Amino acid sequence: MTDPPLQAWTRYIAIDIHKHYLMIGGIDAHKRIVLPPRKVELHRWLDWAQANLHPSDAVVLEATTNAWVIYDQVVTLVGRAVVAHPAKVKLIAEARVKTDKVDVLTLAQLLRADMLPEVTQRVPGAATPRSRPARAALAPPAASLAPDYRQESAPECAPSSEPAAARW
């Protein structure tokens, strides 16, 4: 198997987003690690990005809750920004050694090989893809589709002379 042709990007940077920090690492077009995986605290992220990301870089983010906020900050600093679909990135999901450092370098390698399943671009101006109406909001509640038998009273029956146990 041969390597894909070299792209115009000098570095392939991957960002794994967590709640309080980002794990960032990168490789060059020859698969050499040029940015060893490192943890960047979220409150220092923007300063780090402005100082270390360049227009000749390609960046991949794994889609998470706040991926679009980071994407908006990255897209103006780099030549290419991609949001990867996490469920479809099988090489990471099936990895034997699952650490943030390994994940970030695997994402960078997939970006270099142009093998990343991308998340569909969001509508410009939308805060997140979640701002679209949820499917449940478009359909009537399921409870209204079926009759609710709990609300109906039992049918009136004529009193019987048999004991209750014998009627069943």
N, C-alpha and C. Protein backbone atom coordinates (compact mmCIF):
# COMPACT_ATOMS: atom_id res chain seq x y z
N MET A 1 0.85 -1.18 0.00
CA MET A 1 0.00 0.00 0.00
C MET A 1 0.89 1.24 0.00
N THR A 2 0.62 2.15 -0.88
CA THR A 2 1.43 3.37 -0.97
C THR A 2 0.77 4.50 -0.22
N ASP A 3 1.58 5.45 0.17
CA ASP A 3 1.06 6.62 0.87
C ASP A 3 0.32 7.52 -0.11
N PRO A 4 -0.69 8.25 0.40
CA PRO A 4 -1.37 9.20 -0.49
C PRO A 4 -0.42 10.32 -0.89
N PRO A 5 -0.71 11.01 -1.97
CA PRO A 5 0.17 12.11 -2.37
C PRO A 5 0.22 13.18 -1.30
N LEU A 6 1.37 13.83 -1.20
CA LEU A 6 1.53 14.87 -0.19
C LEU A 6 0.63 16.05 -0.50
N GLN A 7 0.02 16.58 0.54
CA GLN A 7 -0.89 17.71 0.41
C GLN A 7 -0.10 19.02 0.52
N ALA A 8 -0.80 20.09 0.37
CA ALA A 8 -0.18 21.41 0.46
C ALA A 8 0.04 21.86 1.90
N TRP A 9 -0.44 21.09 2.87
CA TRP A 9 -0.35 21.51 4.26
C TRP A 9 0.99 21.09 4.86
N THR A 10 1.56 21.98 5.66
CA THR A 10 2.85 21.64 6.27
C THR A 10 2.68 20.83 7.54
N ARG A 11 1.56 21.06 8.25
CA ARG A 11 1.29 20.30 9.48
C ARG A 11 -0.16 19.86 9.51
N TYR A 12 -0.38 18.71 10.13
CA TYR A 12 -1.73 18.15 10.32
C TYR A 12 -1.94 18.07 11.82
N ILE A 13 -2.76 18.96 12.33
CA ILE A 13 -2.95 19.11 13.77
C ILE A 13 -4.30 18.51 14.15
N ALA A 14 -4.31 17.74 15.23
CA ALA A 14 -5.56 17.16 15.75
C ALA A 14 -5.82 17.73 17.13
N ILE A 15 -7.10 17.99 17.40
CA ILE A 15 -7.51 18.54 18.70
C ILE A 15 -8.60 17.64 19.27
N ASP A 16 -8.32 17.07 20.43
CA ASP A 16 -9.29 16.24 21.15
C ASP A 16 -9.86 17.11 22.28
N ILE A 17 -11.13 17.42 22.22
CA ILE A 17 -11.75 18.38 23.13
C ILE A 17 -12.32 17.67 24.35
N HIS A 18 -11.96 18.18 25.52
CA HIS A 18 -12.49 17.68 26.79
C HIS A 18 -13.18 18.82 27.51
N LYS A 19 -13.71 18.53 28.68
CA LYS A 19 -14.48 19.54 29.40
C LYS A 19 -13.64 20.74 29.85
N HIS A 20 -12.42 20.47 30.34
CA HIS A 20 -11.60 21.55 30.89
C HIS A 20 -10.28 21.75 30.14
N TYR A 21 -9.99 20.90 29.19
CA TYR A 21 -8.73 21.03 28.46
C TYR A 21 -8.87 20.46 27.06
N LEU A 22 -7.85 20.73 26.24
CA LEU A 22 -7.76 20.19 24.89
C LEU A 22 -6.45 19.40 24.81
N MET A 23 -6.50 18.25 24.15
CA MET A 23 -5.26 17.51 23.87
C MET A 23 -4.95 17.80 22.42
N ILE A 24 -3.75 18.32 22.15
CA ILE A 24 -3.38 18.78 20.81
C ILE A 24 -2.07 18.10 20.40
N GLY A 25 -2.03 17.61 19.17
CA GLY A 25 -0.82 17.01 18.64
C GLY A 25 -0.82 17.12 17.13
N GLY A 26 0.35 16.92 16.52
CA GLY A 26 0.40 17.05 15.07
C GLY A 26 1.57 16.36 14.43
N ILE A 27 1.38 16.10 13.14
CA ILE A 27 2.43 15.49 12.32
C ILE A 27 2.64 16.34 11.07
N ASP A 28 3.72 16.06 10.37
CA ASP A 28 3.96 16.76 9.11
C ASP A 28 3.56 15.85 7.94
N ALA A 29 3.83 16.29 6.74
CA ALA A 29 3.44 15.54 5.55
C ALA A 29 4.19 14.22 5.43
N HIS A 30 5.30 14.08 6.15
CA HIS A 30 6.10 12.85 6.11
C HIS A 30 5.85 11.97 7.33
N LYS A 31 4.77 12.22 8.06
CA LYS A 31 4.33 11.46 9.24
C LYS A 31 5.25 11.62 10.45
N ARG A 32 6.08 12.63 10.46
CA ARG A 32 6.92 12.89 11.62
C ARG A 32 6.13 13.73 12.62
N ILE A 33 6.30 13.42 13.88
CA ILE A 33 5.61 14.20 14.93
C ILE A 33 6.29 15.55 15.04
N VAL A 34 5.55 16.60 14.72
CA VAL A 34 6.09 17.95 14.79
C VAL A 34 5.50 18.73 15.97
N LEU A 35 4.42 18.21 16.52
CA LEU A 35 3.80 18.81 17.69
C LEU A 35 3.43 17.64 18.62
N PRO A 36 4.34 17.32 19.54
CA PRO A 36 4.05 16.20 20.44
C PRO A 36 2.75 16.46 21.20
N PRO A 37 1.97 15.43 21.45
CA PRO A 37 0.68 15.64 22.15
C PRO A 37 0.89 16.37 23.46
N ARG A 38 0.07 17.38 23.65
CA ARG A 38 0.16 18.20 24.85
C ARG A 38 -1.23 18.62 25.29
N LYS A 39 -1.36 18.85 26.58
CA LYS A 39 -2.62 19.29 27.16
C LYS A 39 -2.60 20.82 27.25
N VAL A 40 -3.64 21.45 26.72
CA VAL A 40 -3.78 22.90 26.81
C VAL A 40 -5.08 23.18 27.56
N GLU A 41 -4.97 23.88 28.67
CA GLU A 41 -6.15 24.21 29.46
C GLU A 41 -7.09 25.08 28.63
N LEU A 42 -8.37 24.89 28.80
CA LEU A 42 -9.36 25.58 27.99
C LEU A 42 -9.25 27.10 28.11
N HIS A 43 -8.96 27.61 29.29
CA HIS A 43 -8.86 29.07 29.46
C HIS A 43 -7.61 29.66 28.79
N ARG A 44 -6.64 28.81 28.42
CA ARG A 44 -5.44 29.28 27.72
C ARG A 44 -5.47 28.96 26.22
N TRP A 45 -6.52 28.30 25.79
CA TRP A 45 -6.61 27.79 24.42
C TRP A 45 -6.44 28.86 23.36
N LEU A 46 -7.21 29.93 23.45
CA LEU A 46 -7.20 30.93 22.38
C LEU A 46 -5.82 31.58 22.22
N ASP A 47 -5.15 31.89 23.32
CA ASP A 47 -3.80 32.45 23.24
C ASP A 47 -2.84 31.45 22.60
N TRP A 48 -2.97 30.18 22.99
CA TRP A 48 -2.12 29.13 22.42
C TRP A 48 -2.36 29.02 20.91
N ALA A 49 -3.63 29.00 20.52
CA ALA A 49 -3.98 28.84 19.10
C ALA A 49 -3.43 29.99 18.26
N GLN A 50 -3.58 31.21 18.73
CA GLN A 50 -3.10 32.36 17.97
C GLN A 50 -1.58 32.36 17.85
N ALA A 51 -0.89 31.81 18.84
CA ALA A 51 0.57 31.78 18.81
C ALA A 51 1.13 30.59 18.03
N ASN A 52 0.38 29.50 17.92
CA ASN A 52 0.94 28.26 17.38
C ASN A 52 0.32 27.73 16.09
N LEU A 53 -0.86 28.18 15.73
CA LEU A 53 -1.49 27.69 14.49
C LEU A 53 -1.21 28.66 13.35
N HIS A 54 -1.02 28.09 12.14
CA HIS A 54 -0.63 28.89 10.98
C HIS A 54 -1.54 28.61 9.79
N PRO A 55 -1.60 29.52 8.83
CA PRO A 55 -2.42 29.31 7.63
C PRO A 55 -2.00 28.08 6.81
N SER A 56 -0.81 27.58 7.01
CA SER A 56 -0.36 26.39 6.28
C SER A 56 -0.73 25.09 6.99
N ASP A 57 -1.48 25.18 8.11
CA ASP A 57 -1.89 24.01 8.88
C ASP A 57 -3.28 23.53 8.47
N ALA A 58 -3.48 22.22 8.60
CA ALA A 58 -4.81 21.62 8.50
C ALA A 58 -5.13 21.09 9.89
N VAL A 59 -6.34 21.34 10.36
CA VAL A 59 -6.72 20.97 11.73
C VAL A 59 -7.98 20.11 11.70
N VAL A 60 -7.99 19.09 12.56
CA VAL A 60 -9.18 18.26 12.73
C VAL A 60 -9.61 18.31 14.20
N LEU A 61 -10.92 18.41 14.39
CA LEU A 61 -11.53 18.36 15.72
C LEU A 61 -12.50 17.18 15.71
N GLU A 62 -12.58 16.48 16.82
CA GLU A 62 -13.60 15.45 16.92
C GLU A 62 -14.87 16.11 17.44
N ALA A 63 -16.00 15.82 16.80
CA ALA A 63 -17.26 16.47 17.15
C ALA A 63 -17.66 16.15 18.59
N THR A 64 -17.84 17.20 19.36
CA THR A 64 -18.34 17.09 20.73
C THR A 64 -19.28 18.27 20.95
N THR A 65 -19.73 18.42 22.18
CA THR A 65 -20.69 19.47 22.49
C THR A 65 -20.19 20.86 22.10
N ASN A 66 -18.95 21.19 22.44
CA ASN A 66 -18.43 22.53 22.17
C ASN A 66 -17.47 22.57 20.98
N ALA A 67 -17.54 21.60 20.09
CA ALA A 67 -16.62 21.57 18.94
C ALA A 67 -16.80 22.77 18.03
N TRP A 68 -18.02 23.25 17.85
CA TRP A 68 -18.25 24.36 16.92
C TRP A 68 -17.70 25.68 17.45
N VAL A 69 -17.63 25.83 18.75
CA VAL A 69 -17.02 27.04 19.32
C VAL A 69 -15.53 27.04 19.00
N ILE A 70 -14.87 25.91 19.23
CA ILE A 70 -13.45 25.78 18.92
C ILE A 70 -13.24 25.90 17.41
N TYR A 71 -14.11 25.30 16.63
CA TYR A 71 -14.02 25.37 15.16
C TYR A 71 -14.03 26.82 14.69
N ASP A 72 -14.95 27.62 15.23
CA ASP A 72 -15.03 29.03 14.84
C ASP A 72 -13.75 29.79 15.15
N GLN A 73 -13.08 29.41 16.22
CA GLN A 73 -11.82 30.07 16.58
C GLN A 73 -10.67 29.60 15.69
N VAL A 74 -10.70 28.33 15.30
CA VAL A 74 -9.62 27.74 14.50
C VAL A 74 -9.71 28.12 13.03
N VAL A 75 -10.90 28.15 12.48
CA VAL A 75 -11.09 28.29 11.03
C VAL A 75 -10.46 29.56 10.47
N THR A 76 -10.35 30.60 11.27
CA THR A 76 -9.74 31.84 10.79
C THR A 76 -8.22 31.81 10.89
N LEU A 77 -7.67 30.84 11.62
CA LEU A 77 -6.23 30.79 11.83
C LEU A 77 -5.50 29.81 10.92
N VAL A 78 -6.23 28.82 10.37
CA VAL A 78 -5.58 27.75 9.61
C VAL A 78 -6.11 27.69 8.18
N GLY A 79 -5.42 26.91 7.35
CA GLY A 79 -5.83 26.77 5.96
C GLY A 79 -7.02 25.85 5.77
N ARG A 80 -7.15 24.84 6.63
CA ARG A 80 -8.26 23.89 6.52
C ARG A 80 -8.65 23.45 7.92
N ALA A 81 -9.94 23.43 8.20
CA ALA A 81 -10.45 22.94 9.48
C ALA A 81 -11.56 21.93 9.20
N VAL A 82 -11.51 20.81 9.89
CA VAL A 82 -12.45 19.71 9.68
C VAL A 82 -12.99 19.27 11.03
N VAL A 83 -14.28 18.99 11.08
CA VAL A 83 -14.88 18.38 12.27
C VAL A 83 -15.19 16.94 11.90
N ALA A 84 -14.56 16.01 12.61
CA ALA A 84 -14.70 14.59 12.31
C ALA A 84 -15.88 13.99 13.06
N HIS A 85 -16.56 13.08 12.40
CA HIS A 85 -17.69 12.36 12.99
C HIS A 85 -17.13 11.28 13.91
N PRO A 86 -17.33 11.40 15.24
CA PRO A 86 -16.66 10.48 16.16
C PRO A 86 -17.11 9.02 16.03
N ALA A 87 -18.38 8.79 15.74
CA ALA A 87 -18.87 7.42 15.63
C ALA A 87 -18.31 6.72 14.40
N LYS A 88 -17.90 7.48 13.41
CA LYS A 88 -17.40 6.89 12.18
C LYS A 88 -15.87 6.81 12.12
N VAL A 89 -15.21 7.33 13.11
CA VAL A 89 -13.76 7.25 13.15
C VAL A 89 -13.41 5.92 13.81
N LYS A 90 -13.47 4.86 13.04
CA LYS A 90 -13.35 3.51 13.58
C LYS A 90 -11.95 3.18 14.09
N LEU A 91 -10.95 3.76 13.50
CA LEU A 91 -9.59 3.43 13.94
C LEU A 91 -9.36 3.83 15.39
N ILE A 92 -9.97 4.91 15.83
CA ILE A 92 -9.81 5.33 17.21
C ILE A 92 -10.70 4.49 18.12
N ALA A 93 -11.92 4.26 17.71
CA ALA A 93 -12.86 3.51 18.53
C ALA A 93 -12.40 2.08 18.77
N GLU A 94 -11.69 1.49 17.80
CA GLU A 94 -11.26 0.10 17.91
C GLU A 94 -9.81 -0.05 18.36
N ALA A 95 -9.17 1.03 18.75
CA ALA A 95 -7.76 0.97 19.14
C ALA A 95 -7.58 0.15 20.42
N ARG A 96 -6.49 -0.60 20.46
CA ARG A 96 -6.17 -1.37 21.66
C ARG A 96 -5.70 -0.44 22.77
N VAL A 97 -4.82 0.48 22.41
CA VAL A 97 -4.32 1.44 23.38
C VAL A 97 -5.11 2.72 23.18
N LYS A 98 -5.95 3.05 24.16
CA LYS A 98 -6.84 4.20 24.01
C LYS A 98 -6.43 5.26 25.03
N THR A 99 -5.60 6.18 24.60
CA THR A 99 -5.23 7.33 25.43
C THR A 99 -5.43 8.57 24.59
N ASP A 100 -5.52 9.70 25.25
CA ASP A 100 -5.70 10.96 24.53
C ASP A 100 -4.54 11.23 23.59
N LYS A 101 -3.33 10.89 24.01
CA LYS A 101 -2.15 11.15 23.17
C LYS A 101 -2.17 10.29 21.91
N VAL A 102 -2.55 9.03 22.04
CA VAL A 102 -2.64 8.15 20.88
C VAL A 102 -3.78 8.60 19.96
N ASP A 103 -4.93 8.94 20.55
CA ASP A 103 -6.08 9.40 19.77
C ASP A 103 -5.75 10.61 18.91
N VAL A 104 -5.04 11.55 19.50
CA VAL A 104 -4.75 12.80 18.79
C VAL A 104 -3.82 12.54 17.60
N LEU A 105 -2.84 11.69 17.77
CA LEU A 105 -1.93 11.40 16.66
C LEU A 105 -2.62 10.56 15.58
N THR A 106 -3.54 9.68 15.99
CA THR A 106 -4.31 8.90 15.01
C THR A 106 -5.21 9.81 14.19
N LEU A 107 -5.86 10.76 14.85
CA LEU A 107 -6.69 11.74 14.12
C LEU A 107 -5.85 12.53 13.12
N ALA A 108 -4.65 12.95 13.55
CA ALA A 108 -3.77 13.70 12.66
C ALA A 108 -3.37 12.86 11.44
N GLN A 109 -3.10 11.58 11.65
CA GLN A 109 -2.74 10.70 10.54
C GLN A 109 -3.91 10.50 9.59
N LEU A 110 -5.12 10.37 10.13
CA LEU A 110 -6.31 10.23 9.28
C LEU A 110 -6.55 11.50 8.47
N LEU A 111 -6.29 12.65 9.07
CA LEU A 111 -6.44 13.92 8.36
C LEU A 111 -5.41 13.99 7.22
N ARG A 112 -4.18 13.61 7.49
CA ARG A 112 -3.14 13.63 6.46
C ARG A 112 -3.52 12.72 5.30
N ALA A 113 -4.09 11.55 5.60
CA ALA A 113 -4.46 10.60 4.56
C ALA A 113 -5.80 10.94 3.91
N ASP A 114 -6.43 12.00 4.37
CA ASP A 114 -7.75 12.43 3.87
C ASP A 114 -8.78 11.29 4.00
N MET A 115 -8.78 10.66 5.17
CA MET A 115 -9.67 9.53 5.43
C MET A 115 -10.66 9.81 6.56
N LEU A 116 -10.93 11.07 6.83
CA LEU A 116 -11.83 11.41 7.93
C LEU A 116 -13.27 11.58 7.47
N PRO A 117 -14.19 10.92 8.14
CA PRO A 117 -15.60 11.18 7.86
C PRO A 117 -15.99 12.50 8.52
N GLU A 118 -16.32 13.48 7.70
CA GLU A 118 -16.60 14.82 8.23
C GLU A 118 -18.06 14.97 8.63
N VAL A 119 -18.27 15.80 9.65
CA VAL A 119 -19.62 16.18 10.05
C VAL A 119 -20.12 17.17 9.02
N THR A 120 -21.39 17.09 8.66
CA THR A 120 -21.96 18.03 7.71
C THR A 120 -21.84 19.45 8.26
N GLN A 121 -21.49 20.37 7.38
CA GLN A 121 -21.35 21.76 7.81
C GLN A 121 -22.66 22.28 8.36
N ARG A 122 -22.56 23.07 9.38
CA ARG A 122 -23.76 23.68 9.96
C ARG A 122 -24.18 24.90 9.15
N VAL A 123 -25.37 25.36 9.37
CA VAL A 123 -25.90 26.54 8.69
C VAL A 123 -25.16 27.76 9.23
N PRO A 124 -24.65 28.65 8.36
CA PRO A 124 -23.95 29.84 8.85
C PRO A 124 -24.85 30.66 9.77
N GLY A 125 -24.27 31.09 10.89
CA GLY A 125 -25.03 31.88 11.85
C GLY A 125 -25.67 31.05 12.94
N ALA A 126 -25.77 29.75 12.73
CA ALA A 126 -26.35 28.89 13.76
C ALA A 126 -25.29 28.65 14.83
N ALA A 127 -25.71 28.69 16.07
CA ALA A 127 -24.75 28.51 17.16
C ALA A 127 -24.17 27.10 17.16
N THR A 128 -25.01 26.11 17.01
CA THR A 128 -24.56 24.72 16.97
C THR A 128 -25.54 23.93 16.12
N PRO A 129 -25.14 22.75 15.70
CA PRO A 129 -26.10 21.92 14.97
C PRO A 129 -27.32 21.59 15.81
N ARG A 130 -27.18 21.64 17.13
CA ARG A 130 -28.31 21.35 18.01
C ARG A 130 -29.35 22.46 18.01
N SER A 131 -29.06 23.58 17.40
CA SER A 131 -30.03 24.67 17.40
C SER A 131 -31.19 24.39 16.44
N ARG A 132 -31.01 23.37 15.59
CA ARG A 132 -32.11 22.98 14.71
C ARG A 132 -33.20 22.31 15.53
N PRO A 133 -34.47 22.42 15.10
CA PRO A 133 -35.53 21.81 15.89
C PRO A 133 -35.33 20.31 16.02
N ALA A 134 -35.54 19.82 17.20
CA ALA A 134 -35.40 18.38 17.44
C ALA A 134 -36.53 17.64 16.75
N ARG A 135 -36.25 16.40 16.37
CA ARG A 135 -37.26 15.58 15.70
C ARG A 135 -38.50 15.43 16.58
N ALA A 136 -38.32 15.28 17.87
CA ALA A 136 -39.46 15.11 18.78
C ALA A 136 -40.35 16.36 18.79
N ALA A 137 -39.76 17.53 18.59
CA ALA A 137 -40.55 18.76 18.60
C ALA A 137 -41.42 18.87 17.35
N LEU A 138 -41.06 18.17 16.29
CA LEU A 138 -41.82 18.24 15.05
C LEU A 138 -43.00 17.27 15.01
N ALA A 139 -42.92 16.22 15.80
CA ALA A 139 -43.98 15.21 15.81
C ALA A 139 -44.83 15.38 17.06
N PRO A 140 -46.11 15.01 16.99
CA PRO A 140 -46.94 15.10 18.19
C PRO A 140 -46.44 14.09 19.22
N PRO A 141 -46.69 14.34 20.48
CA PRO A 141 -46.24 13.40 21.50
C PRO A 141 -46.83 12.02 21.26
N ALA A 142 -46.06 11.00 21.53
CA ALA A 142 -46.50 9.63 21.29
C ALA A 142 -47.75 9.29 22.10
N ALA A 143 -47.91 9.88 23.27
CA ALA A 143 -49.06 9.58 24.12
C ALA A 143 -50.36 9.99 23.44
N SER A 144 -50.32 11.01 22.60
CA SER A 144 -51.55 11.46 21.97
C SER A 144 -51.95 10.58 20.79
N LEU A 145 -51.04 9.71 20.32
CA LEU A 145 -51.35 8.84 19.20
C LEU A 145 -52.12 7.60 19.62
N ALA A 146 -51.97 7.18 20.85
CA ALA A 146 -52.66 5.98 21.33
C ALA A 146 -53.65 6.38 22.41
N PRO A 147 -54.76 5.67 22.49
CA PRO A 147 -55.72 6.02 23.54
C PRO A 147 -55.14 5.73 24.92
N ASP A 148 -55.53 6.54 25.86
CA ASP A 148 -55.07 6.36 27.23
C ASP A 148 -56.19 5.67 28.00
N TYR A 149 -56.05 4.39 28.23
CA TYR A 149 -57.09 3.61 28.88
C TYR A 149 -57.18 3.87 30.36
N ARG A 150 -56.17 4.48 30.93
CA ARG A 150 -56.21 4.77 32.36
C ARG A 150 -57.26 5.81 32.68
N GLN A 151 -57.60 6.65 31.73
CA GLN A 151 -58.55 7.72 31.97
C GLN A 151 -60.01 7.24 31.90
N GLU A 152 -60.22 6.14 31.21
CA GLU A 152 -61.58 5.66 31.07
C GLU A 152 -62.00 4.91 32.32
N SER A 153 -63.28 5.05 32.69
CA SER A 153 -63.77 4.32 33.85
C SER A 153 -64.24 2.94 33.41
N ALA A 154 -64.27 2.02 34.32
CA ALA A 154 -64.72 0.67 34.02
C ALA A 154 -66.19 0.72 33.65
N PRO A 155 -66.62 -0.13 32.72
CA PRO A 155 -68.03 -0.12 32.35
C PRO A 155 -68.90 -0.54 33.52
N GLU A 156 -70.04 0.08 33.55
CA GLU A 156 -71.01 -0.23 34.61
C GLU A 156 -71.58 -1.63 34.38
N CYS A 157 -71.59 -2.45 35.39
CA CYS A 157 -72.14 -3.79 35.30
C CYS A 157 -73.28 -3.92 36.31
N ALA A 158 -74.21 -4.73 35.96
CA ALA A 158 -75.31 -4.99 36.90
C ALA A 158 -74.74 -5.81 38.04
N PRO A 159 -75.17 -5.52 39.24
CA PRO A 159 -74.66 -6.27 40.38
C PRO A 159 -74.95 -7.76 40.20
N SER A 160 -74.01 -8.57 40.60
CA SER A 160 -74.15 -10.00 40.46
C SER A 160 -74.31 -10.61 41.85
N SER A 161 -74.99 -11.72 41.90
CA SER A 161 -75.19 -12.39 43.18
C SER A 161 -74.01 -13.31 43.48
N GLU A 162 -73.13 -13.52 42.47
CA GLU A 162 -71.98 -14.39 42.69
C GLU A 162 -70.89 -13.62 43.46
N PRO A 163 -70.10 -14.33 44.24
CA PRO A 163 -68.98 -13.66 44.88
C PRO A 163 -67.96 -13.20 43.84
N ALA A 164 -67.15 -12.18 44.14
CA ALA A 164 -66.21 -11.58 43.18
C ALA A 164 -65.23 -12.62 42.67
N ALA A 165 -64.78 -13.54 43.47
CA ALA A 165 -63.79 -14.53 43.06
C ALA A 165 -64.39 -15.49 42.02
N ALA A 166 -65.65 -15.73 42.10
CA ALA A 166 -66.29 -16.68 41.19
C ALA A 166 -66.52 -16.06 39.81
N ARG A 167 -66.61 -14.71 39.75
CA ARG A 167 -66.83 -14.05 38.46
C ARG A 167 -65.61 -14.13 37.56
N TRP A 168 -64.43 -14.29 38.09
CA TRP A 168 -63.23 -14.32 37.28
C TRP A 168 -62.97 -15.72 36.89
